[in-house]
């Protein structure tokens, strides 16, 4: 059964694809390998990294008419009742301050 957040994530990913952009699900976590000898981290290693990461296509300067650049994009998805954490805001600020697009999306 899909959760409310996963429904929002899927909707945003579809909308991004329709615009020519790309968003990937960024599940963060750690797990132990089957042999029990190693711990592997999944997702971006930055604490507070967003639920969705990818790029937004942007047409660039007149001297390169018709070309596109990809701008790093991060979206933290929240249900209507969701609360942002400091680490999540810090990650969004990091992306925006570096010239990317970072935002929170609150579902209905």
PDB file of N, CA and C in Angstrom:
ATOM      1  N   UNK A   1       0.840  -1.178   0.000  1.00  0.00           N
ATOM      2  CA  UNK A   1       0.000   0.000   0.000  1.00  0.00           C
ATOM      3  C   UNK A   1       0.891   1.250   0.000  1.00  0.00           C
ATOM      4  N   UNK A   2       0.572   2.163  -0.888  1.00  0.00           N
ATOM      5  CA  UNK A   2       1.358   3.393  -0.990  1.00  0.00           C
ATOM      6  C   UNK A   2       0.989   4.350   0.134  1.00  0.00           C
ATOM      7  N   UNK A   3       2.001   5.042   0.639  1.00  0.00           N
ATOM      8  CA  UNK A   3       1.754   6.042   1.672  1.00  0.00           C
ATOM      9  C   UNK A   3       1.408   7.369   1.012  1.00  0.00           C
ATOM     10  N   UNK A   4       0.888   8.286   1.805  1.00  0.00           N
ATOM     11  CA  UNK A   4       0.562   9.619   1.288  1.00  0.00           C
ATOM     12  C   UNK A   4       1.807  10.286   0.715  1.00  0.00           C
ATOM     13  N   UNK A   5       2.941  10.172   1.418  1.00  0.00           N
ATOM     14  CA  UNK A   5       4.169  10.796   0.932  1.00  0.00           C
ATOM     15  C   UNK A   5       4.629  10.166  -0.382  1.00  0.00           C
ATOM     16  N   UNK A   6       4.554   8.840  -0.490  1.00  0.00           N
ATOM     17  CA  UNK A   6       4.999   8.208  -1.733  1.00  0.00           C
ATOM     18  C   UNK A   6       4.093   8.599  -2.906  1.00  0.00           C
ATOM     19  N   UNK A   7       2.803   8.813  -2.652  1.00  0.00           N
ATOM     20  CA  UNK A   7       1.913   9.294  -3.710  1.00  0.00           C
ATOM     21  C   UNK A   7       2.332  10.681  -4.184  1.00  0.00           C
ATOM     22  N   UNK A   8       2.696  11.551  -3.248  1.00  0.00           N
ATOM     23  CA  UNK A   8       3.161  12.899  -3.597  1.00  0.00           C
ATOM     24  C   UNK A   8       4.462  12.809  -4.394  1.00  0.00           C
ATOM     25  N   UNK A   9       5.387  11.974  -3.927  1.00  0.00           N
ATOM     26  CA  UNK A   9       6.675  11.787  -4.607  1.00  0.00           C
ATOM     27  C   UNK A   9       6.446  11.339  -6.047  1.00  0.00           C
ATOM     28  N   UNK A  10       5.584  10.345  -6.254  1.00  0.00           N
ATOM     29  CA  UNK A  10       5.320   9.843  -7.605  1.00  0.00           C
ATOM     30  C   UNK A  10       4.706  10.914  -8.492  1.00  0.00           C
ATOM     31  N   UNK A  11       3.798  11.703  -7.946  1.00  0.00           N
ATOM     32  CA  UNK A  11       3.166  12.795  -8.692  1.00  0.00           C
ATOM     33  C   UNK A  11       4.220  13.814  -9.129  1.00  0.00           C
ATOM     34  N   UNK A  12       5.100  14.213  -8.210  1.00  0.00           N
ATOM     35  CA  UNK A  12       6.130  15.198  -8.539  1.00  0.00           C
ATOM     36  C   UNK A  12       7.107  14.664  -9.583  1.00  0.00           C
ATOM     37  N   UNK A  13       7.462  13.398  -9.471  1.00  0.00           N
ATOM     38  CA  UNK A  13       8.386  12.796 -10.446  1.00  0.00           C
ATOM     39  C   UNK A  13       7.764  12.789 -11.841  1.00  0.00           C
ATOM     40  N   UNK A  14       6.480  12.467 -11.933  1.00  0.00           N
ATOM     41  CA  UNK A  14       5.786  12.473 -13.227  1.00  0.00           C
ATOM     42  C   UNK A  14       5.724  13.876 -13.803  1.00  0.00           C
ATOM     43  N   UNK A  15       5.372  14.852 -12.968  1.00  0.00           N
ATOM     44  CA  UNK A  15       5.290  16.237 -13.435  1.00  0.00           C
ATOM     45  C   UNK A  15       6.654  16.734 -13.926  1.00  0.00           C
ATOM     46  N   UNK A  16       7.713  16.369 -13.219  1.00  0.00           N
ATOM     47  CA  UNK A  16       9.060  16.774 -13.634  1.00  0.00           C
ATOM     48  C   UNK A  16       9.399  16.164 -14.993  1.00  0.00           C
ATOM     49  N   UNK A  17       9.095  14.896 -15.178  1.00  0.00           N
ATOM     50  CA  UNK A  17       9.387  14.225 -16.453  1.00  0.00           C
ATOM     51  C   UNK A  17       8.636  14.876 -17.614  1.00  0.00           C
ATOM     52  N   UNK A  18       7.401  15.276 -17.374  1.00  0.00           N
ATOM     53  CA  UNK A  18       6.613  15.934 -18.423  1.00  0.00           C
ATOM     54  C   UNK A  18       7.252  17.241 -18.876  1.00  0.00           C
ATOM     55  N   UNK A  19       8.010  17.903 -17.984  1.00  0.00           N
ATOM     56  CA  UNK A  19       8.697  19.163 -18.319  1.00  0.00           C
ATOM     57  C   UNK A  19      10.080  18.920 -18.914  1.00  0.00           C
ATOM     58  N   UNK A  20      10.530  17.662 -18.948  1.00  0.00           N
ATOM     59  CA  UNK A  20      11.886  17.365 -19.415  1.00  0.00           C
ATOM     60  C   UNK A  20      12.912  17.379 -18.300  1.00  0.00           C
ATOM     61  N   UNK A  21      12.459  17.485 -17.056  1.00  0.00           N
ATOM     62  CA  UNK A  21      13.350  17.457 -15.894  1.00  0.00           C
ATOM     63  C   UNK A  21      13.405  16.020 -15.375  1.00  0.00           C
ATOM     64  N   UNK A  22      14.259  15.764 -14.400  1.00  0.00           N
ATOM     65  CA  UNK A  22      14.375  14.416 -13.850  1.00  0.00           C
ATOM     66  C   UNK A  22      14.568  14.490 -12.350  1.00  0.00           C
ATOM     67  N   UNK A  23      13.751  13.756 -11.612  1.00  0.00           N
ATOM     68  CA  UNK A  23      13.888  13.648 -10.161  1.00  0.00           C
ATOM     69  C   UNK A  23      13.975  12.174  -9.785  1.00  0.00           C
ATOM     70  N   UNK A  24      14.911  11.856  -8.914  1.00  0.00           N
ATOM     71  CA  UNK A  24      15.120  10.491  -8.438  1.00  0.00           C
ATOM     72  C   UNK A  24      14.767  10.421  -6.965  1.00  0.00           C
ATOM     73  N   UNK A  25      14.225   9.303  -6.541  1.00  0.00           N
ATOM     74  CA  UNK A  25      13.934   9.076  -5.125  1.00  0.00           C
ATOM     75  C   UNK A  25      15.256   8.878  -4.418  1.00  0.00           C
ATOM     76  N   UNK A  26      15.470   9.600  -3.345  1.00  0.00           N
ATOM     77  CA  UNK A  26      16.713   9.518  -2.581  1.00  0.00           C
ATOM     78  C   UNK A  26      16.408   8.934  -1.205  1.00  0.00           C
ATOM     79  N   UNK A  27      16.342   7.628  -1.137  1.00  0.00           N
ATOM     80  CA  UNK A  27      16.134   6.969   0.155  1.00  0.00           C
ATOM     81  C   UNK A  27      17.463   6.912   0.887  1.00  0.00           C
ATOM     82  N   UNK A  28      17.492   7.449   2.077  1.00  0.00           N
ATOM     83  CA  UNK A  28      18.709   7.440   2.887  1.00  0.00           C
ATOM     84  C   UNK A  28      18.608   6.387   3.952  1.00  0.00           C
ATOM     85  N   UNK A  29      19.712   5.744   4.225  1.00  0.00           N
ATOM     86  CA  UNK A  29      19.730   4.782   5.310  1.00  0.00           C
ATOM     87  C   UNK A  29      21.011   3.969   5.310  1.00  0.00           C
ATOM     88  N   UNK A  30      21.114   3.078   6.264  1.00  0.00           N
ATOM     89  CA  UNK A  30      22.263   2.182   6.388  1.00  0.00           C
ATOM     90  C   UNK A  30      21.749   0.764   6.538  1.00  0.00           C
ATOM     91  N   UNK A  31      22.518  -0.168   6.011  1.00  0.00           N
ATOM     92  CA  UNK A  31      22.181  -1.571   6.202  1.00  0.00           C
ATOM     93  C   UNK A  31      23.460  -2.392   6.263  1.00  0.00           C
ATOM     94  N   UNK A  32      23.372  -3.533   6.882  1.00  0.00           N
ATOM     95  CA  UNK A  32      24.498  -4.445   6.995  1.00  0.00           C
ATOM     96  C   UNK A  32      24.416  -5.457   5.859  1.00  0.00           C
ATOM     97  N   UNK A  33      25.566  -5.755   5.259  1.00  0.00           N
ATOM     98  CA  UNK A  33      25.596  -6.740   4.184  1.00  0.00           C
ATOM     99  C   UNK A  33      25.199  -8.109   4.728  1.00  0.00           C
ATOM    100  N   UNK A  34      24.809  -9.012   3.818  1.00  0.00           N
ATOM    101  CA  UNK A  34      24.341 -10.338   4.236  1.00  0.00           C
ATOM    102  C   UNK A  34      25.379 -11.104   5.055  1.00  0.00           C
ATOM    103  N   UNK A  35      26.665 -10.875   4.752  1.00  0.00           N
ATOM    104  CA  UNK A  35      27.705 -11.561   5.531  1.00  0.00           C
ATOM    105  C   UNK A  35      27.934 -10.897   6.890  1.00  0.00           C
ATOM    106  N   UNK A  36      27.292  -9.753   7.108  1.00  0.00           N
ATOM    107  CA  UNK A  36      27.388  -9.067   8.392  1.00  0.00           C
ATOM    108  C   UNK A  36      28.680  -8.328   8.632  1.00  0.00           C
ATOM    109  N   UNK A  37      29.555  -8.275   7.644  1.00  0.00           N
ATOM    110  CA  UNK A  37      30.878  -7.692   7.844  1.00  0.00           C
ATOM    111  C   UNK A  37      30.962  -6.199   7.531  1.00  0.00           C
ATOM    112  N   UNK A  38      30.040  -5.713   6.747  1.00  0.00           N
ATOM    113  CA  UNK A  38      30.130  -4.308   6.338  1.00  0.00           C
ATOM    114  C   UNK A  38      28.791  -3.609   6.518  1.00  0.00           C
ATOM    115  N   UNK A  39      28.881  -2.297   6.741  1.00  0.00           N
ATOM    116  CA  UNK A  39      27.692  -1.442   6.763  1.00  0.00           C
ATOM    117  C   UNK A  39      27.763  -0.577   5.518  1.00  0.00           C
ATOM    118  N   UNK A  40      26.664  -0.523   4.791  1.00  0.00           N
ATOM    119  CA  UNK A  40      26.594   0.240   3.555  1.00  0.00           C
ATOM    120  C   UNK A  40      25.581   1.363   3.736  1.00  0.00           C
ATOM    121  N   UNK A  41      25.965   2.567   3.278  1.00  0.00           N
ATOM    122  CA  UNK A  41      25.040   3.701   3.303  1.00  0.00           C
ATOM    123  C   UNK A  41      24.380   3.817   1.948  1.00  0.00           C
ATOM    124  N   UNK A  42      23.078   4.081   1.952  1.00  0.00           N
ATOM    125  CA  UNK A  42      22.334   4.296   0.712  1.00  0.00           C
ATOM    126  C   UNK A  42      21.897   5.753   0.650  1.00  0.00           C
ATOM    127  N   UNK A  43      21.776   6.284  -0.542  1.00  0.00           N
ATOM    128  CA  UNK A  43      21.355   7.666  -0.729  1.00  0.00           C
ATOM    129  C   UNK A  43      22.508   8.627  -0.533  1.00  0.00           C
ATOM    130  N   UNK A  44      22.210   9.907  -0.692  1.00  0.00           N
ATOM    131  CA  UNK A  44      23.236  10.915  -0.456  1.00  0.00           C
ATOM    132  C   UNK A  44      23.665  10.864   1.003  1.00  0.00           C
ATOM    133  N   UNK A  45      24.934  11.015   1.237  1.00  0.00           N
ATOM    134  CA  UNK A  45      25.443  10.854   2.599  1.00  0.00           C
ATOM    135  C   UNK A  45      25.224  12.082   3.482  1.00  0.00           C
ATOM    136  N   UNK A  46      24.761  13.172   2.890  1.00  0.00           N
ATOM    137  CA  UNK A  46      24.534  14.381   3.671  1.00  0.00           C
ATOM    138  C   UNK A  46      23.291  14.229   4.538  1.00  0.00           C
ATOM    139  N   UNK A  47      23.443  14.463   5.831  1.00  0.00           N
ATOM    140  CA  UNK A  47      22.301  14.392   6.736  1.00  0.00           C
ATOM    141  C   UNK A  47      21.294  15.461   6.343  1.00  0.00           C
ATOM    142  N   UNK A  48      20.048  15.075   6.212  1.00  0.00           N
ATOM    143  CA  UNK A  48      19.006  16.012   5.821  1.00  0.00           C
ATOM    144  C   UNK A  48      18.813  16.119   4.324  1.00  0.00           C
ATOM    145  N   UNK A  49      19.550  15.284   3.539  1.00  0.00           N
ATOM    146  CA  UNK A  49      19.383  15.365   2.090  1.00  0.00           C
ATOM    147  C   UNK A  49      17.935  15.076   1.701  1.00  0.00           C
ATOM    148  N   UNK A  50      17.511  15.684   0.625  1.00  0.00           N
ATOM    149  CA  UNK A  50      16.101  15.709   0.243  1.00  0.00           C
ATOM    150  C   UNK A  50      15.585  14.379  -0.291  1.00  0.00           C
ATOM    151  N   UNK A  51      14.252  14.224  -0.250  1.00  0.00           N
ATOM    152  CA  UNK A  51      13.581  13.023  -0.736  1.00  0.00           C
ATOM    153  C   UNK A  51      13.778  12.826  -2.231  1.00  0.00           C
ATOM    154  N   UNK A  52      13.783  13.920  -2.965  1.00  0.00           N
ATOM    155  CA  UNK A  52      13.956  13.870  -4.414  1.00  0.00           C
ATOM    156  C   UNK A  52      15.158  14.708  -4.805  1.00  0.00           C
ATOM    157  N   UNK A  53      16.012  14.136  -5.650  1.00  0.00           N
ATOM    158  CA  UNK A  53      17.147  14.877  -6.186  1.00  0.00           C
ATOM    159  C   UNK A  53      17.206  14.635  -7.683  1.00  0.00           C
ATOM    160  N   UNK A  54      17.741  15.579  -8.387  1.00  0.00           N
ATOM    161  CA  UNK A  54      17.854  15.427  -9.833  1.00  0.00           C
ATOM    162  C   UNK A  54      18.253  16.739 -10.463  1.00  0.00           C
ATOM    163  N   UNK A  55      17.622  17.024 -11.615  1.00  0.00           N
ATOM    164  CA  UNK A  55      17.963  18.246 -12.301  1.00  0.00           C
ATOM    165  C   UNK A  55      16.742  18.879 -12.951  1.00  0.00           C
ATOM    166  N   UNK A  56      16.877  20.189 -13.141  1.00  0.00           N
ATOM    167  CA  UNK A  56      15.907  20.976 -13.886  1.00  0.00           C
ATOM    168  C   UNK A  56      16.627  21.495 -15.122  1.00  0.00           C
ATOM    169  N   UNK A  57      16.054  21.250 -16.299  1.00  0.00           N
ATOM    170  CA  UNK A  57      16.663  21.740 -17.540  1.00  0.00           C
ATOM    171  C   UNK A  57      16.385  23.229 -17.681  1.00  0.00           C
ATOM    172  N   UNK A  58      17.421  23.970 -18.031  1.00  0.00           N
ATOM    173  CA  UNK A  58      17.296  25.412 -18.209  1.00  0.00           C
ATOM    174  C   UNK A  58      17.980  25.793 -19.516  1.00  0.00           C
ATOM    175  N   UNK A  59      17.282  26.552 -20.354  1.00  0.00           N
ATOM    176  CA  UNK A  59      17.911  27.057 -21.577  1.00  0.00           C
ATOM    177  C   UNK A  59      18.913  28.129 -21.171  1.00  0.00           C
ATOM    178  N   UNK A  60      20.106  28.077 -21.742  1.00  0.00           N
ATOM    179  CA  UNK A  60      21.161  28.978 -21.285  1.00  0.00           C
ATOM    180  C   UNK A  60      21.357  30.162 -22.231  1.00  0.00           C
ATOM    181  N   UNK A  61      22.417  30.897 -22.037  1.00  0.00           N
ATOM    182  CA  UNK A  61      22.661  32.221 -22.627  1.00  0.00           C
ATOM    183  C   UNK A  61      22.505  32.271 -24.150  1.00  0.00           C
ATOM    184  N   UNK A  62      22.271  33.475 -24.682  1.00  0.00           N
ATOM    185  CA  UNK A  62      22.051  33.643 -26.124  1.00  0.00           C
ATOM    186  C   UNK A  62      23.175  33.084 -26.997  1.00  0.00           C
ATOM    187  N   UNK A  63      24.405  33.122 -26.534  1.00  0.00           N
ATOM    188  CA  UNK A  63      25.503  32.594 -27.354  1.00  0.00           C
ATOM    189  C   UNK A  63      25.450  31.074 -27.483  1.00  0.00           C
ATOM    190  N   UNK A  64      24.587  30.445 -26.719  1.00  0.00           N
ATOM    191  CA  UNK A  64      24.434  28.984 -26.802  1.00  0.00           C
ATOM    192  C   UNK A  64      22.960  28.637 -27.018  1.00  0.00           C
ATOM    193  N   UNK A  65      22.281  29.425 -27.846  1.00  0.00           N
ATOM    194  CA  UNK A  65      20.847  29.256 -28.089  1.00  0.00           C
ATOM    195  C   UNK A  65      20.541  27.812 -28.464  1.00  0.00           C
ATOM    196  N   UNK A  66      19.498  27.297 -27.840  1.00  0.00           N
ATOM    197  CA  UNK A  66      19.069  25.934 -28.125  1.00  0.00           C
ATOM    198  C   UNK A  66      19.709  24.889 -27.232  1.00  0.00           C
ATOM    199  N   UNK A  67      20.753  25.273 -26.513  1.00  0.00           N
ATOM    200  CA  UNK A  67      21.397  24.331 -25.597  1.00  0.00           C
ATOM    201  C   UNK A  67      20.686  24.358 -24.251  1.00  0.00           C
ATOM    202  N   UNK A  68      20.854  23.311 -23.504  1.00  0.00           N
ATOM    203  CA  UNK A  68      20.285  23.253 -22.171  1.00  0.00           C
ATOM    204  C   UNK A  68      21.365  22.923 -21.163  1.00  0.00           C
ATOM    205  N   UNK A  69      21.172  23.418 -19.951  1.00  0.00           N
ATOM    206  CA  UNK A  69      22.037  23.051 -18.828  1.00  0.00           C
ATOM    207  C   UNK A  69      21.144  22.397 -17.793  1.00  0.00           C
ATOM    208  N   UNK A  70      21.722  21.541 -17.002  1.00  0.00           N
ATOM    209  CA  UNK A  70      20.976  20.897 -15.925  1.00  0.00           C
ATOM    210  C   UNK A  70      21.363  21.552 -14.605  1.00  0.00           C
ATOM    211  N   UNK A  71      20.373  22.020 -13.868  1.00  0.00           N
ATOM    212  CA  UNK A  71      20.591  22.651 -12.577  1.00  0.00           C
ATOM    213  C   UNK A  71      20.216  21.643 -11.498  1.00  0.00           C
ATOM    214  N   UNK A  72      21.136  21.389 -10.565  1.00  0.00           N
ATOM    215  CA  UNK A  72      20.853  20.448  -9.487  1.00  0.00           C
ATOM    216  C   UNK A  72      19.595  20.869  -8.751  1.00  0.00           C
ATOM    217  N   UNK A  73      18.712  19.916  -8.513  1.00  0.00           N
ATOM    218  CA  UNK A  73      17.418  20.191  -7.902  1.00  0.00           C
ATOM    219  C   UNK A  73      17.190  19.234  -6.738  1.00  0.00           C
ATOM    220  N   UNK A  74      16.693  19.758  -5.634  1.00  0.00           N
ATOM    221  CA  UNK A  74      16.384  18.941  -4.451  1.00  0.00           C
ATOM    222  C   UNK A  74      15.019  19.361  -3.916  1.00  0.00           C
ATOM    223  N   UNK A  75      14.159  18.375  -3.686  1.00  0.00           N
ATOM    224  CA  UNK A  75      12.820  18.645  -3.163  1.00  0.00           C
ATOM    225  C   UNK A  75      12.600  17.781  -1.932  1.00  0.00           C
ATOM    226  N   UNK A  76      12.300  18.410  -0.825  1.00  0.00           N
ATOM    227  CA  UNK A  76      11.939  17.701   0.403  1.00  0.00           C
ATOM    228  C   UNK A  76      10.417  17.632   0.442  1.00  0.00           C
ATOM    229  N   UNK A  77       9.875  16.430   0.426  1.00  0.00           N
ATOM    230  CA  UNK A  77       8.429  16.220   0.358  1.00  0.00           C
ATOM    231  C   UNK A  77       7.861  16.052   1.759  1.00  0.00           C
ATOM    232  N   UNK A  78       6.788  16.774   2.011  1.00  0.00           N
ATOM    233  CA  UNK A  78       6.088  16.687   3.297  1.00  0.00           C
ATOM    234  C   UNK A  78       4.601  16.512   3.038  1.00  0.00           C
ATOM    235  N   UNK A  79       3.958  15.743   3.878  1.00  0.00           N
ATOM    236  CA  UNK A  79       2.509  15.703   3.845  1.00  0.00           C
ATOM    237  C   UNK A  79       2.012  17.025   4.429  1.00  0.00           C
ATOM    238  N   UNK A  80       0.719  17.265   4.337  1.00  0.00           N
ATOM    239  CA  UNK A  80       0.161  18.522   4.849  1.00  0.00           C
ATOM    240  C   UNK A  80       0.498  18.737   6.321  1.00  0.00           C
ATOM    241  N   UNK A  81       0.653  17.651   7.070  1.00  0.00           N
ATOM    242  CA  UNK A  81       0.958  17.744   8.503  1.00  0.00           C
ATOM    243  C   UNK A  81       2.452  17.647   8.803  1.00  0.00           C
ATOM    244  N   UNK A  82       3.270  17.440   7.761  1.00  0.00           N
ATOM    245  CA  UNK A  82       4.701  17.234   7.952  1.00  0.00           C
ATOM    246  C   UNK A  82       5.421  18.464   8.465  1.00  0.00           C
ATOM    247  N   UNK A  83       6.505  18.242   9.167  1.00  0.00           N
ATOM    248  CA  UNK A  83       7.324  19.331   9.719  1.00  0.00           C
ATOM    249  C   UNK A  83       8.748  19.197   9.182  1.00  0.00           C
ATOM    250  N   UNK A  84       9.319  20.331   8.812  1.00  0.00           N
ATOM    251  CA  UNK A  84      10.705  20.277   8.348  1.00  0.00           C
ATOM    252  C   UNK A  84      11.658  20.266   9.535  1.00  0.00           C
ATOM    253  N   UNK A  85      12.767  19.537   9.352  1.00  0.00           N
ATOM    254  CA  UNK A  85      13.816  19.486  10.371  1.00  0.00           C
ATOM    255  C   UNK A  85      14.936  20.452   9.984  1.00  0.00           C
ATOM    256  N   UNK A  86      15.698  20.876  10.977  1.00  0.00           N
ATOM    257  CA  UNK A  86      16.801  21.809  10.739  1.00  0.00           C
ATOM    258  C   UNK A  86      17.761  21.266   9.685  1.00  0.00           C
ATOM    259  N   UNK A  87      18.099  19.971   9.764  1.00  0.00           N
ATOM    260  CA  UNK A  87      19.038  19.369   8.805  1.00  0.00           C
ATOM    261  C   UNK A  87      18.493  19.448   7.378  1.00  0.00           C
ATOM    262  N   UNK A  88      17.179  19.306   7.232  1.00  0.00           N
ATOM    263  CA  UNK A  88      16.566  19.398   5.912  1.00  0.00           C
ATOM    264  C   UNK A  88      16.629  20.827   5.383  1.00  0.00           C
ATOM    265  N   UNK A  89      16.345  21.801   6.237  1.00  0.00           N
ATOM    266  CA  UNK A  89      16.445  23.202   5.828  1.00  0.00           C
ATOM    267  C   UNK A  89      17.879  23.549   5.471  1.00  0.00           C
ATOM    268  N   UNK A  90      18.834  23.050   6.241  1.00  0.00           N
ATOM    269  CA  UNK A  90      20.249  23.301   5.955  1.00  0.00           C
ATOM    270  C   UNK A  90      20.630  22.768   4.573  1.00  0.00           C
ATOM    271  N   UNK A  91      20.137  21.568   4.211  1.00  0.00           N
ATOM    272  CA  UNK A  91      20.452  20.986   2.909  1.00  0.00           C
ATOM    273  C   UNK A  91      19.833  21.828   1.787  1.00  0.00           C
ATOM    274  N   UNK A  92      18.586  22.230   1.955  1.00  0.00           N
ATOM    275  CA  UNK A  92      17.921  23.074   0.957  1.00  0.00           C
ATOM    276  C   UNK A  92      18.680  24.389   0.803  1.00  0.00           C
ATOM    277  N   UNK A  93      19.098  24.990   1.908  1.00  0.00           N
ATOM    278  CA  UNK A  93      19.879  26.232   1.856  1.00  0.00           C
ATOM    279  C   UNK A  93      21.203  26.013   1.121  1.00  0.00           C
ATOM    280  N   UNK A  94      21.863  24.900   1.381  1.00  0.00           N
ATOM    281  CA  UNK A  94      23.126  24.567   0.724  1.00  0.00           C
ATOM    282  C   UNK A  94      22.942  24.507  -0.789  1.00  0.00           C
ATOM    283  N   UNK A  95      21.905  23.823  -1.229  1.00  0.00           N
ATOM    284  CA  UNK A  95      21.621  23.708  -2.668  1.00  0.00           C
ATOM    285  C   UNK A  95      21.349  25.086  -3.268  1.00  0.00           C
ATOM    286  N   UNK A  96      20.471  25.861  -2.649  1.00  0.00           N
ATOM    287  CA  UNK A  96      20.133  27.190  -3.177  1.00  0.00           C
ATOM    288  C   UNK A  96      21.329  28.130  -3.188  1.00  0.00           C
ATOM    289  N   UNK A  97      22.131  28.098  -2.140  1.00  0.00           N
ATOM    290  CA  UNK A  97      23.299  28.981  -2.057  1.00  0.00           C
ATOM    291  C   UNK A  97      24.376  28.624  -3.077  1.00  0.00           C
ATOM    292  N   UNK A  98      24.353  27.379  -3.560  1.00  0.00           N
ATOM    293  CA  UNK A  98      25.324  26.945  -4.566  1.00  0.00           C
ATOM    294  C   UNK A  98      24.804  27.156  -5.989  1.00  0.00           C
ATOM    295  N   UNK A  99      23.602  27.725  -6.127  1.00  0.00           N
ATOM    296  CA  UNK A  99      23.055  28.000  -7.452  1.00  0.00           C
ATOM    297  C   UNK A  99      22.063  26.964  -7.944  1.00  0.00           C
ATOM    298  N   UNK A 100      21.760  25.966  -7.119  1.00  0.00           N
ATOM    299  CA  UNK A 100      20.767  24.965  -7.508  1.00  0.00           C
ATOM    300  C   UNK A 100      19.374  25.400  -7.101  1.00  0.00           C
ATOM    301  N   UNK A 101      18.420  24.502  -7.289  1.00  0.00           N
ATOM    302  CA  UNK A 101      17.039  24.747  -6.891  1.00  0.00           C
ATOM    303  C   UNK A 101      16.707  23.788  -5.753  1.00  0.00           C
ATOM    304  N   UNK A 102      16.426  24.326  -4.598  1.00  0.00           N
ATOM    305  CA  UNK A 102      16.029  23.511  -3.458  1.00  0.00           C
ATOM    306  C   UNK A 102      14.737  24.039  -2.873  1.00  0.00           C
ATOM    307  N   UNK A 103      13.830  23.123  -2.522  1.00  0.00           N
ATOM    308  CA  UNK A 103      12.553  23.577  -1.966  1.00  0.00           C
ATOM    309  C   UNK A 103      11.884  22.477  -1.158  1.00  0.00           C
ATOM    310  N   UNK A 104      10.913  22.897  -0.390  1.00  0.00           N
ATOM    311  CA  UNK A 104      10.008  21.985   0.313  1.00  0.00           C
ATOM    312  C   UNK A 104       8.716  21.933  -0.484  1.00  0.00           C
ATOM    313  N   UNK A 105       8.093  20.772  -0.553  1.00  0.00           N
ATOM    314  CA  UNK A 105       6.791  20.636  -1.178  1.00  0.00           C
ATOM    315  C   UNK A 105       5.856  20.014  -0.165  1.00  0.00           C
ATOM    316  N   UNK A 106       4.763  20.717   0.113  1.00  0.00           N
ATOM    317  CA  UNK A 106       3.767  20.229   1.060  1.00  0.00           C
ATOM    318  C   UNK A 106       2.556  19.739   0.288  1.00  0.00           C
ATOM    319  N   UNK A 107       2.196  18.468   0.504  1.00  0.00           N
ATOM    320  CA  UNK A 107       1.030  17.890  -0.157  1.00  0.00           C
ATOM    321  C   UNK A 107      -0.254  18.437   0.432  1.00  0.00           C
ATOM    322  N   UNK A 108      -1.323  18.157  -0.268  1.00  0.00           N
ATOM    323  CA  UNK A 108      -2.652  18.641   0.171  1.00  0.00           C
ATOM    324  C   UNK A 108      -3.138  17.883   1.369  1.00  0.00           C
TER     325      UNK A 108
END
